[in-house]
């Protein structure tokens, strides 16, 4: 089903489900709340079916993802995990940096994982070079309470249509979709969000606690894309297992973006839609979907995931966590920056560039630690400096603008705890900086606008409405001492 159509139907499918003779299908609309779901021998979500050794009590969370009471024995999954046909072949190509994410390997397709710790390895599909067979769940498998089973459906051939249209229309991901089955010891409240698919600490946040009154009712700009499209984008779990560039090969095409720039673009436009004058009913599935992403990302940080900057890979992760904390009044999410590194923060800092700007960009890491370069005369830049500039222009700030705008308009900027990010976004969007950019080597025609016209138009219409930064607390800059990185004091410019 196309993403936009799936989004349009999501309001109708948002209710709970009840058992039917052939099993439970989480997509089917029912009027009963989750606690009324009785017994079923199987449950299906996004075309993936888990089969039990007995009838088990099942239900759905507020976002439609299923839960089952356990422990429960999952005897099989459809589509079945296992090896590909012997004649199947995978074409292996290196990227422009000499790296390859794929390998010709037929050991596993349609794999499942129980993710207890963040790792750069995965057990979903053996065509990715980061495949580890010991991470693939073998069936039958006893799923214990406080565990989540992530199951996937592989594709036979690629490239395939990408998650987000507008750039990189084809994806080399080996996975079509993923679904999550959560095992609990007792039924959750009917309005409970699905807990994070990773780890065993699974607090149940409730949709009834959302501070919906904090959302705005702004007049839409003419370039606003259909709301239903963004409901669809947030309707499936955005699965992450670690911070590795090879997730581009294992990010399910129907579930989530496979690159950080697009991750931040979707987050930005989804957040801005929640600030427009759609009705509360129209906003609800998008609100639930974006908060669910924040809950998941936060849960993953608690089992070791950090989003250390690397080119353009890890943008967009911080906003959903802080937004979920803002909407739920959840202090642990609102203070996530105290213990987790995020790309937007590591790549922005205060200094003085060769041209006089004070909110600056740095690459941080790309095939090893990278030093700041904006302070230097562009005529002296080495090849890595030029690569850093290329990433500055192509893949980062032009995707951050919507995050920065939404955070300002919602009053979330103090919780972000990194003023340089907001100041850098202001710099990026300024006409003066766009003129300065023409004096720098490389392609600079992205400067002065967001990647998406909707975000650019929202910035022009509403940036002046956002409260200014309070300029409280210390500022930080990510610095390297050899191969060891750490935060250092970074005084604001006078």
Foldseek 3Di string as FASTA:
>chain_A
DDLLVVLVCQLQLQAKWAADAQFAELSDGDHDFFVRHQWGQWYHYPQKIFGFPGTWGKMAARLSAMETADQTWGAAMPVGKFFDDPPQFDDWDADPVRDTQFDTDGGIAFFKFWAAFFDPAACHGNRGPRHDVVRTDDPRDGDGALIKMKTFGFDRDDQDQAQDPDPPRTALAGTAAIGMYHYHNDDDPRQWFFAANYHRPGDTFGPVLFPLVLAAAAAADPQQDDLSSLLSQLSGAQDDRAQDLSQSHHGHRRHHGSAQLVLLQSLLSLLVVRNHRDDPSSNVSSVSSLLSLLSNLLVNVVRPYAADFELQGFHNNLLSQCVNCVRNVPVCSLQVVVPHHGRLQQQWAADAFCVGDGIGGFRQDYPAGDDDDRNDDLVPDDPVNVVRVVSVQPHPLLSCLSSLQSCQLSVSVVSVVAVSSNVVNVLQQDPVNLVVCVVHDDDHPSGNHHSRPSSRVCCVVPVVVGDDDPPDDWHWYWDDDDRDIDIDTGDHDD
